[in-house]
Amino acid sequence: MIRSEILQEKDKTQARLSEECTSIHDYFVQSHIAAEKAAKTYGFTLNYAEVPTLSRYRAGNSGERTASIS
């Protein structure tokens, strides 16, 4: 298995957040903050894909199939 300083940091962060966070939302927010900090520390940037929003699906404005939510 490949082990690097960044992967070790990721593993430590995941373990810490699993213990500290009280909800999936809290985990998501805290992991995003940790990822931004790691990117700055190690000198890389994070690029996120654009994902269509649920409101665009509901409105049918995206030209794609609309999603039905029950």
N, C-alpha and C. Protein backbone atom coordinates (compact mmCIF):
# COMPACT_ATOMS: atom_id res chain seq x y z
N MET A 1 0.84 -1.17 0.00
CA MET A 1 0.00 0.00 0.00
C MET A 1 0.89 1.24 0.00
N ILE A 2 0.51 2.21 -0.79
CA ILE A 2 1.27 3.45 -0.86
C ILE A 2 0.93 4.31 0.36
N ARG A 3 1.96 4.78 1.05
CA ARG A 3 1.79 5.65 2.20
C ARG A 3 2.55 6.93 1.94
N SER A 4 1.89 8.02 2.04
CA SER A 4 2.55 9.31 1.89
C SER A 4 2.11 10.20 3.04
N GLU A 5 2.78 11.31 3.17
CA GLU A 5 2.45 12.25 4.24
C GLU A 5 1.01 12.75 4.10
N ILE A 6 0.60 13.01 2.87
CA ILE A 6 -0.77 13.50 2.64
C ILE A 6 -1.79 12.43 2.99
N LEU A 7 -1.55 11.17 2.59
CA LEU A 7 -2.49 10.10 2.92
C LEU A 7 -2.56 9.84 4.42
N GLN A 8 -1.43 9.95 5.09
CA GLN A 8 -1.43 9.79 6.55
C GLN A 8 -2.24 10.91 7.21
N GLU A 9 -2.10 12.12 6.70
CA GLU A 9 -2.87 13.26 7.22
C GLU A 9 -4.36 13.04 6.98
N LYS A 10 -4.72 12.53 5.82
CA LYS A 10 -6.12 12.24 5.50
C LYS A 10 -6.68 11.22 6.48
N ASP A 11 -5.95 10.15 6.72
CA ASP A 11 -6.40 9.10 7.64
C ASP A 11 -6.59 9.64 9.06
N LYS A 12 -5.64 10.45 9.54
CA LYS A 12 -5.75 11.05 10.87
C LYS A 12 -6.97 11.97 10.95
N THR A 13 -7.17 12.75 9.90
CA THR A 13 -8.30 13.68 9.88
C THR A 13 -9.62 12.92 9.87
N GLN A 14 -9.73 11.88 9.07
CA GLN A 14 -10.97 11.10 9.03
C GLN A 14 -11.27 10.47 10.38
N ALA A 15 -10.27 9.93 11.03
CA ALA A 15 -10.47 9.32 12.34
C ALA A 15 -10.91 10.37 13.36
N ARG A 16 -10.25 11.53 13.34
CA ARG A 16 -10.59 12.61 14.28
C ARG A 16 -12.01 13.10 14.05
N LEU A 17 -12.38 13.32 12.78
CA LEU A 17 -13.72 13.82 12.49
C LEU A 17 -14.79 12.79 12.82
N SER A 18 -14.50 11.51 12.62
CA SER A 18 -15.46 10.47 12.97
C SER A 18 -15.79 10.49 14.46
N GLU A 19 -14.81 10.80 15.28
CA GLU A 19 -15.04 10.87 16.72
C GLU A 19 -15.69 12.18 17.16
N GLU A 20 -15.32 13.28 16.50
CA GLU A 20 -15.76 14.60 16.96
C GLU A 20 -17.11 15.04 16.41
N CYS A 21 -17.42 14.68 15.20
CA CYS A 21 -18.62 15.22 14.54
C CYS A 21 -19.88 14.53 15.03
N THR A 22 -20.93 15.33 15.17
CA THR A 22 -22.20 14.82 15.69
C THR A 22 -23.23 14.57 14.61
N SER A 23 -22.95 14.97 13.36
CA SER A 23 -23.89 14.74 12.26
C SER A 23 -23.10 14.64 10.96
N ILE A 24 -23.75 14.13 9.93
CA ILE A 24 -23.09 14.03 8.62
C ILE A 24 -22.83 15.43 8.07
N HIS A 25 -23.71 16.37 8.37
CA HIS A 25 -23.50 17.74 7.91
C HIS A 25 -22.26 18.34 8.57
N ASP A 26 -22.13 18.13 9.87
CA ASP A 26 -20.95 18.61 10.59
C ASP A 26 -19.68 17.97 10.02
N TYR A 27 -19.73 16.67 9.75
CA TYR A 27 -18.58 15.96 9.18
C TYR A 27 -18.23 16.56 7.82
N PHE A 28 -19.24 16.82 6.99
CA PHE A 28 -19.01 17.40 5.67
C PHE A 28 -18.34 18.76 5.77
N VAL A 29 -18.87 19.62 6.62
CA VAL A 29 -18.31 20.97 6.77
C VAL A 29 -16.88 20.91 7.29
N GLN A 30 -16.66 20.12 8.34
CA GLN A 30 -15.32 20.04 8.93
C GLN A 30 -14.31 19.39 7.98
N SER A 31 -14.75 18.40 7.20
CA SER A 31 -13.83 17.77 6.26
C SER A 31 -13.46 18.73 5.13
N HIS A 32 -14.40 19.57 4.72
CA HIS A 32 -14.11 20.57 3.69
C HIS A 32 -13.08 21.57 4.21
N ILE A 33 -13.24 22.01 5.44
CA ILE A 33 -12.28 22.93 6.05
C ILE A 33 -10.91 22.28 6.13
N ALA A 34 -10.87 21.01 6.56
CA ALA A 34 -9.59 20.29 6.67
C ALA A 34 -8.95 20.11 5.30
N ALA A 35 -9.75 19.84 4.28
CA ALA A 35 -9.21 19.66 2.93
C ALA A 35 -8.60 20.96 2.41
N GLU A 36 -9.27 22.07 2.65
CA GLU A 36 -8.74 23.37 2.23
C GLU A 36 -7.43 23.68 2.95
N LYS A 37 -7.37 23.37 4.24
CA LYS A 37 -6.15 23.60 5.01
C LYS A 37 -5.01 22.73 4.49
N ALA A 38 -5.29 21.46 4.22
CA ALA A 38 -4.27 20.54 3.70
C ALA A 38 -3.78 21.01 2.33
N ALA A 39 -4.70 21.45 1.49
CA ALA A 39 -4.31 21.93 0.16
C ALA A 39 -3.36 23.11 0.28
N LYS A 40 -3.68 24.01 1.18
CA LYS A 40 -2.81 25.18 1.38
C LYS A 40 -1.45 24.76 1.94
N THR A 41 -1.46 23.84 2.91
CA THR A 41 -0.22 23.37 3.53
C THR A 41 0.69 22.68 2.53
N TYR A 42 0.11 21.83 1.67
CA TYR A 42 0.91 21.04 0.74
C TYR A 42 1.04 21.67 -0.65
N GLY A 43 0.44 22.85 -0.83
CA GLY A 43 0.63 23.60 -2.06
C GLY A 43 -0.12 23.11 -3.28
N PHE A 44 -1.35 22.64 -3.10
CA PHE A 44 -2.15 22.28 -4.26
C PHE A 44 -3.53 22.91 -4.13
N THR A 45 -4.27 22.91 -5.21
CA THR A 45 -5.61 23.49 -5.20
C THR A 45 -6.64 22.38 -5.36
N LEU A 46 -7.81 22.63 -4.82
CA LEU A 46 -8.92 21.70 -4.96
C LEU A 46 -9.85 22.23 -6.03
N ASN A 47 -10.23 21.37 -6.94
CA ASN A 47 -11.18 21.74 -7.99
C ASN A 47 -12.39 20.82 -7.87
N TYR A 48 -13.56 21.41 -7.75
CA TYR A 48 -14.78 20.65 -7.58
C TYR A 48 -15.58 20.67 -8.88
N ALA A 49 -16.20 19.57 -9.19
CA ALA A 49 -17.04 19.48 -10.38
C ALA A 49 -18.32 20.28 -10.16
N GLU A 50 -18.86 20.81 -11.24
CA GLU A 50 -20.14 21.48 -11.14
C GLU A 50 -21.22 20.42 -11.19
N VAL A 51 -22.11 20.47 -10.23
CA VAL A 51 -23.20 19.51 -10.16
C VAL A 51 -24.49 20.30 -10.27
N PRO A 52 -25.39 19.85 -11.14
CA PRO A 52 -26.65 20.58 -11.28
C PRO A 52 -27.39 20.60 -9.95
N THR A 53 -28.03 21.70 -9.66
CA THR A 53 -28.75 21.81 -8.40
C THR A 53 -30.12 21.16 -8.52
N LEU A 54 -30.66 20.79 -7.40
CA LEU A 54 -31.96 20.14 -7.36
C LEU A 54 -33.03 21.07 -7.93
N SER A 55 -32.93 22.37 -7.68
CA SER A 55 -33.94 23.29 -8.17
C SER A 55 -33.98 23.32 -9.69
N ARG A 56 -32.81 23.16 -10.34
CA ARG A 56 -32.80 23.11 -11.80
C ARG A 56 -33.51 21.86 -12.29
N TYR A 57 -33.34 20.75 -11.58
CA TYR A 57 -34.03 19.53 -11.97
C TYR A 57 -35.53 19.68 -11.79
N ARG A 58 -35.93 20.28 -10.70
CA ARG A 58 -37.37 20.46 -10.44
C ARG A 58 -37.99 21.37 -11.50
N ALA A 59 -37.28 22.43 -11.87
CA ALA A 59 -37.81 23.38 -12.84
C ALA A 59 -37.74 22.84 -14.26
N GLY A 60 -36.90 21.85 -14.49
CA GLY A 60 -36.76 21.30 -15.84
C GLY A 60 -36.02 22.22 -16.77
N ASN A 61 -35.25 23.17 -16.23
CA ASN A 61 -34.54 24.14 -17.04
C ASN A 61 -33.20 23.66 -17.56
N SER A 62 -32.76 22.50 -17.15
CA SER A 62 -31.42 22.06 -17.50
C SER A 62 -31.37 21.34 -18.84
N GLY A 63 -32.52 21.04 -19.40
CA GLY A 63 -32.54 20.29 -20.66
C GLY A 63 -32.32 18.81 -20.44
N GLU A 64 -32.21 18.41 -19.19
CA GLU A 64 -32.03 17.01 -18.85
C GLU A 64 -33.32 16.47 -18.27
N ARG A 65 -33.33 15.17 -18.05
CA ARG A 65 -34.51 14.57 -17.44
C ARG A 65 -34.73 15.19 -16.07
N THR A 66 -35.98 15.36 -15.71
CA THR A 66 -36.27 15.88 -14.38
C THR A 66 -36.33 14.74 -13.39
N ALA A 67 -35.94 15.01 -12.19
CA ALA A 67 -35.95 14.00 -11.14
C ALA A 67 -37.25 14.11 -10.37
N SER A 68 -37.83 13.00 -10.02
CA SER A 68 -39.01 13.05 -9.17
C SER A 68 -38.60 12.67 -7.77
N ILE A 69 -39.10 13.44 -6.83
CA ILE A 69 -38.77 13.22 -5.43
C ILE A 69 -40.06 12.92 -4.69
N SER A 70 -40.09 11.80 -4.00
CA SER A 70 -41.31 11.44 -3.25
C SER A 70 -41.12 11.69 -1.80
